[in-house]
């Protein structure tokens, strides 16, 4: 596993689980998101896969608004 995988939580299942949790948190502030962020979060809400890059963006969005 590369360093990026370790920073994102490791396994695919762990990334998907965290993505779902982040989307649930972010959705409480959905009106504040930019259209691009809103579209991305909505797409990720029911995701079955999640890359490290996607997870980092979800983390950034959460940190930006909460």
Protein backbone atom coordinates (compact mmCIF):
# COMPACT_ATOMS: atom_id res chain seq x y z
CA UNK A 1 0.00 0.00 0.00
CA UNK A 2 1.33 3.42 -0.85
CA UNK A 3 1.52 6.40 1.48
CA UNK A 4 -1.66 7.94 0.05
CA UNK A 5 -3.58 4.79 0.91
CA UNK A 6 -2.34 4.94 4.48
CA UNK A 7 -3.38 8.60 4.81
CA UNK A 8 -6.87 7.90 3.53
CA UNK A 9 -7.64 5.06 5.89
CA UNK A 10 -6.26 2.16 3.92
CA UNK A 11 -8.73 -0.25 2.41
CA UNK A 12 -11.40 0.52 -0.16
CA UNK A 13 -14.10 -0.40 2.35
CA UNK A 14 -12.66 2.03 4.89
CA UNK A 15 -12.55 4.85 2.31
CA UNK A 16 -16.16 4.22 1.23
CA UNK A 17 -17.32 4.13 4.86
CA UNK A 18 -15.58 7.42 5.62
CA UNK A 19 -16.94 8.99 2.41
CA UNK A 20 -20.49 8.10 3.42
CA UNK A 21 -19.94 9.54 6.90
CA UNK A 22 -18.47 12.75 5.50
CA UNK A 23 -21.32 13.16 3.01
CA UNK A 24 -23.84 12.80 5.81
CA UNK A 25 -22.06 15.53 7.78
CA UNK A 26 -21.61 17.81 4.77
CA UNK A 27 -25.25 17.49 3.68
CA UNK A 28 -26.24 19.50 6.76
CA UNK A 29 -24.51 22.51 5.11
CA UNK A 30 -25.44 21.71 1.51
CA UNK A 31 -26.87 25.19 0.85
CA UNK A 32 -23.45 26.75 1.49
CA UNK A 33 -21.60 24.56 -1.03
CA UNK A 34 -20.60 25.72 -4.48
CA UNK A 35 -22.51 24.02 -7.30
CA UNK A 36 -19.47 21.88 -8.12
CA UNK A 37 -19.02 20.82 -4.50
CA UNK A 38 -22.74 20.09 -4.13
CA UNK A 39 -22.75 17.91 -7.26
CA UNK A 40 -19.68 16.01 -6.07
CA UNK A 41 -21.08 15.39 -2.59
CA UNK A 42 -24.39 14.19 -4.02
CA UNK A 43 -22.54 11.77 -6.31
CA UNK A 44 -20.47 10.45 -3.42
CA UNK A 45 -23.42 10.02 -1.04
CA UNK A 46 -24.18 6.53 -2.37
CA UNK A 47 -20.74 5.67 -3.75
CA UNK A 48 -19.50 2.09 -3.86
CA UNK A 49 -15.89 3.09 -4.54
CA UNK A 50 -13.84 6.04 -3.36
CA UNK A 51 -10.34 7.03 -4.42
CA UNK A 52 -7.87 8.71 -2.12
CA UNK A 53 -8.25 11.93 -4.10
CA UNK A 54 -12.04 11.88 -3.71
CA UNK A 55 -11.75 11.25 0.02
CA UNK A 56 -9.31 14.12 0.43
CA UNK A 57 -11.70 16.46 -1.39
CA UNK A 58 -14.59 15.39 0.86
CA UNK A 59 -12.39 16.05 3.90
CA UNK A 60 -11.48 19.48 2.52
CA UNK A 61 -15.13 20.36 1.89
CA UNK A 62 -16.09 19.29 5.40
CA UNK A 63 -13.26 21.35 6.92
CA UNK A 64 -14.16 24.37 4.77
CA UNK A 65 -17.77 24.56 5.97
CA UNK A 66 -17.74 23.08 9.46
